Amino acid sequence: APAALAAFFAVLAFDFVFVEPRWSFAVSDAQYLVTFAVMLIVGLVVGQLAAGLQAQARAAQERERRVRGLYAMSRDLGAALVPEQVAEIGARFLRAEFGVGAAVLAPALAAAPGREVLSVLPGAGTQPDLGVAQWAFDHGEPAGQGTNTLPASPCLMLPLTAPMRVRGVLAVQGMARRWSPEERELLDTCAALLAISLER
């Protein structure tokens, strides 16, 4: 919209100052109408290209910022010694990136032979639905908000799948809007880093 307005007012200014009769918006030669149309089209195209470049620059800056955040997170995870520290680092990263609460759930003592039951690790920024988290852990698939499985849950549950096995679940508090593909990719990367850290 700003580019279109700028192009429109530029054509009006050219007509008012340079086209006879001057200091008037009247046009004595109809050929100038073609000139005005060409000027307006060129102005609109240039404005749209400039707006597109600005959007790409902002997106590149945002990607760079998130890459720096992931690097800092991976560095902190490399120094983590216990699962509780891993959970705290993950929750802190997601709170800084998206302003949402998060929790890491890991297997506790089995309630029955052959079945692992999840519990929330300390440092959680949200209270996840343990039933939905358990489903994501048992099936190794995302569940909760934004998925086709138990979408009524207020949290998105991502299984922490390491090379050897599923090590836990990352519960991310839902947002008022849907996750964008870029945000979901960042969440998956965060979950992968947490899974590898828990497997060490």
Protein backbone atom coordinates (compact mmCIF):
# COMPACT_ATOMS: atom_id res chain seq x y z
CA ALA A 1 0.00 0.00 0.00
CA PRO A 2 2.72 2.62 0.77
CA ALA A 3 4.43 1.85 -2.54
CA ALA A 4 1.16 2.25 -4.46
CA LEU A 5 0.44 5.58 -2.76
CA ALA A 6 3.96 6.83 -3.48
CA ALA A 7 3.64 5.91 -7.17
CA PHE A 8 0.22 7.55 -7.41
CA PHE A 9 1.34 10.83 -5.80
CA ALA A 10 4.50 10.87 -7.94
CA VAL A 11 2.35 10.80 -11.08
CA LEU A 12 0.13 13.57 -9.70
CA ALA A 13 3.17 15.70 -8.85
CA PHE A 14 4.61 15.21 -12.35
CA ASP A 15 1.29 16.26 -13.89
CA PHE A 16 0.94 19.28 -11.61
CA VAL A 17 4.47 20.65 -12.11
CA PHE A 18 5.66 19.63 -15.58
CA VAL A 19 2.61 19.03 -17.80
CA GLU A 20 0.89 21.93 -19.56
CA PRO A 21 -1.09 23.70 -18.29
CA ARG A 22 1.26 23.87 -15.31
CA TRP A 23 0.08 24.17 -11.72
CA SER A 24 -3.07 22.32 -12.65
CA PHE A 25 -4.13 18.71 -12.84
CA ALA A 26 -5.72 19.28 -16.24
CA VAL A 27 -4.09 17.50 -19.21
CA SER A 28 -4.12 19.22 -22.60
CA ASP A 29 -2.43 16.37 -24.53
CA ALA A 30 -4.01 12.92 -24.29
CA GLN A 31 -0.62 11.30 -24.95
CA TYR A 32 0.38 12.22 -21.42
CA LEU A 33 -2.23 9.79 -20.15
CA VAL A 34 -0.16 6.94 -21.58
CA THR A 35 2.93 8.42 -19.92
CA PHE A 36 1.11 8.59 -16.61
CA ALA A 37 -0.01 4.97 -16.93
CA VAL A 38 3.53 3.78 -17.68
CA MET A 39 4.95 5.81 -14.78
CA LEU A 40 2.34 4.39 -12.43
CA ILE A 41 2.98 0.80 -13.51
CA VAL A 42 6.76 1.19 -13.21
CA GLY A 43 6.37 2.79 -9.78
CA LEU A 44 4.14 -0.04 -8.58
CA VAL A 45 6.51 -2.73 -9.86
CA VAL A 46 9.57 -1.07 -8.30
CA GLY A 47 7.71 -0.58 -5.03
CA GLN A 48 6.64 -4.22 -4.90
CA LEU A 49 10.18 -5.39 -5.64
CA ALA A 50 11.57 -3.15 -2.90
CA ALA A 51 8.97 -4.42 -0.42
CA GLY A 52 9.83 -8.01 -1.35
CA LEU A 53 13.54 -7.39 -0.79
CA GLN A 54 12.82 -5.83 2.60
CA ALA A 55 10.71 -8.84 3.60
CA GLN A 56 13.48 -11.22 2.51
CA ALA A 57 16.04 -9.21 4.48
CA ARG A 58 13.87 -9.37 7.61
CA ALA A 59 13.38 -13.12 7.14
CA ALA A 60 17.13 -13.61 6.74
CA GLN A 61 17.80 -11.63 9.92
CA GLU A 62 15.22 -13.72 11.79
CA ARG A 63 16.78 -16.96 10.55
CA GLU A 64 20.22 -15.74 11.59
CA ARG A 65 18.92 -14.85 15.06
CA ARG A 66 17.36 -18.28 15.48
CA VAL A 67 20.49 -20.05 14.28
CA ARG A 68 22.47 -18.14 16.92
CA GLY A 69 19.89 -19.20 19.50
CA LEU A 70 20.18 -22.85 18.46
CA TYR A 71 23.96 -22.64 18.62
CA ALA A 72 23.83 -21.20 22.14
CA MET A 73 21.35 -23.90 23.15
CA SER A 74 23.51 -26.72 21.74
CA ARG A 75 26.53 -25.29 23.57
CA ASP A 76 24.61 -25.24 26.85
CA LEU A 77 23.33 -28.77 26.25
CA GLY A 78 26.88 -29.95 25.71
CA ALA A 79 27.68 -28.87 29.25
CA ALA A 80 24.52 -30.35 30.80
CA LEU A 81 25.22 -33.25 33.15
CA VAL A 82 21.75 -34.41 34.23
CA PRO A 83 18.31 -34.60 32.54
CA GLU A 84 16.99 -31.80 34.75
CA GLN A 85 19.53 -29.41 33.25
CA VAL A 86 18.56 -30.51 29.73
CA ALA A 87 14.90 -29.79 30.50
CA GLU A 88 15.70 -26.36 31.93
CA ILE A 89 17.79 -25.40 28.89
CA GLY A 90 15.05 -26.49 26.49
CA ALA A 91 12.34 -24.60 28.37
CA ARG A 92 14.49 -21.47 28.50
CA PHE A 93 15.18 -21.60 24.75
CA LEU A 94 11.50 -21.95 23.81
CA ARG A 95 10.47 -19.21 26.21
CA ALA A 96 13.03 -16.86 24.64
CA GLU A 97 12.15 -17.77 21.04
CA PHE A 98 8.36 -17.99 21.20
CA GLY A 99 7.34 -16.70 24.61
CA VAL A 100 5.68 -20.02 25.47
CA GLY A 101 6.06 -22.41 28.35
CA ALA A 102 7.55 -25.84 27.77
CA ALA A 103 8.30 -29.00 29.70
CA VAL A 104 10.38 -32.10 29.14
CA LEU A 105 8.97 -35.44 30.23
CA ALA A 106 11.16 -38.50 30.67
CA PRO A 107 10.46 -42.09 31.73
CA ALA A 108 10.17 -42.66 35.46
CA LEU A 109 9.75 -45.94 37.30
CA ALA A 110 7.58 -48.34 35.36
CA ALA A 111 4.06 -48.76 36.66
CA ALA A 112 3.96 -52.23 35.15
CA PRO A 113 6.60 -54.57 33.74
CA GLY A 114 7.61 -53.59 30.22
CA ARG A 115 5.89 -50.19 30.28
CA GLU A 116 7.61 -46.86 30.88
CA VAL A 117 5.62 -44.08 32.50
CA LEU A 118 6.50 -40.44 31.91
CA SER A 119 7.04 -37.81 34.57
CA VAL A 120 7.70 -34.08 34.22
CA LEU A 121 11.30 -33.08 34.82
CA PRO A 122 11.99 -30.04 37.06
CA GLY A 123 12.12 -26.63 35.41
CA ALA A 124 8.87 -27.02 33.49
CA GLY A 125 7.21 -23.87 32.21
CA THR A 126 3.84 -25.54 31.66
CA GLN A 127 1.74 -28.37 33.06
CA PRO A 128 1.23 -30.87 30.22
CA ASP A 129 -1.50 -33.46 29.88
CA LEU A 130 0.29 -36.65 30.92
CA GLY A 131 -2.09 -38.85 28.96
CA VAL A 132 -1.40 -37.07 25.66
CA ALA A 133 2.33 -37.02 26.40
CA GLN A 134 2.28 -40.74 27.13
CA TRP A 135 0.57 -41.42 23.80
CA ALA A 136 3.23 -39.42 21.93
CA PHE A 137 5.95 -41.33 23.79
CA ASP A 138 4.44 -44.77 23.23
CA HIS A 139 3.77 -44.20 19.52
CA GLY A 140 6.77 -42.02 18.71
CA GLU A 141 4.55 -39.48 16.95
CA PRO A 142 3.50 -35.86 17.66
CA ALA A 143 0.19 -35.36 19.42
CA GLY A 144 -1.88 -32.56 20.89
CA GLN A 145 -2.56 -29.09 19.58
CA GLY A 146 -1.97 -28.64 15.86
CA THR A 147 -1.96 -32.38 15.10
CA ASN A 148 -4.61 -34.89 14.11
CA THR A 149 -4.16 -36.82 17.35
CA LEU A 150 -5.87 -35.46 20.49
CA PRO A 151 -5.89 -31.89 19.10
CA ALA A 152 -7.95 -30.59 22.04
CA SER A 153 -4.86 -30.70 24.25
CA PRO A 154 -3.51 -27.22 25.08
CA CYS A 155 0.04 -28.41 24.40
CA LEU A 156 1.89 -29.78 21.39
CA MET A 157 3.69 -33.00 22.31
CA LEU A 158 6.83 -33.87 20.36
CA PRO A 159 8.53 -37.22 20.97
CA LEU A 160 12.24 -36.86 21.73
CA THR A 161 13.50 -39.43 19.26
CA ALA A 162 17.21 -40.17 19.62
CA PRO A 163 19.23 -42.53 17.39
CA MET A 164 18.65 -45.47 19.74
CA ARG A 165 15.08 -44.91 20.95
CA VAL A 166 12.50 -42.37 22.13
CA ARG A 167 13.93 -40.71 25.23
CA GLY A 168 11.00 -38.57 26.31
CA VAL A 169 8.53 -35.94 25.18
CA LEU A 170 8.78 -32.19 24.70
CA ALA A 171 5.52 -30.48 25.69
CA VAL A 172 5.14 -26.99 24.21
CA GLN A 173 2.37 -24.70 25.32
CA GLY A 174 0.12 -23.83 22.39
CA MET A 175 -0.15 -20.37 20.88
CA ALA A 176 -3.29 -18.52 19.82
CA ARG A 177 -2.30 -19.05 16.18
CA ARG A 178 -1.01 -22.08 14.31
CA TRP A 179 2.71 -22.75 14.17
CA SER A 180 4.25 -21.61 10.89
CA PRO A 181 6.35 -24.15 8.92
CA GLU A 182 9.54 -22.31 9.94
CA GLU A 183 8.53 -22.34 13.61
CA ARG A 184 7.61 -26.01 13.46
CA GLU A 185 10.97 -26.80 11.88
CA LEU A 186 12.69 -24.95 14.72
CA LEU A 187 10.65 -26.93 17.26
CA ASP A 188 11.66 -30.20 15.60
CA THR A 189 15.33 -29.16 15.67
CA CYS A 190 15.04 -28.24 19.34
CA ALA A 191 13.43 -31.61 20.09
CA ALA A 192 16.21 -33.45 18.24
CA LEU A 193 18.91 -31.64 20.23
CA LEU A 194 17.14 -32.43 23.50
CA ALA A 195 16.77 -36.09 22.54
CA ILE A 196 20.46 -36.45 21.75
CA SER A 197 21.37 -34.75 25.02
CA LEU A 198 19.14 -37.10 27.02
CA GLU A 199 20.70 -40.13 25.35
CA ARG A 200 24.26 -39.16 26.28
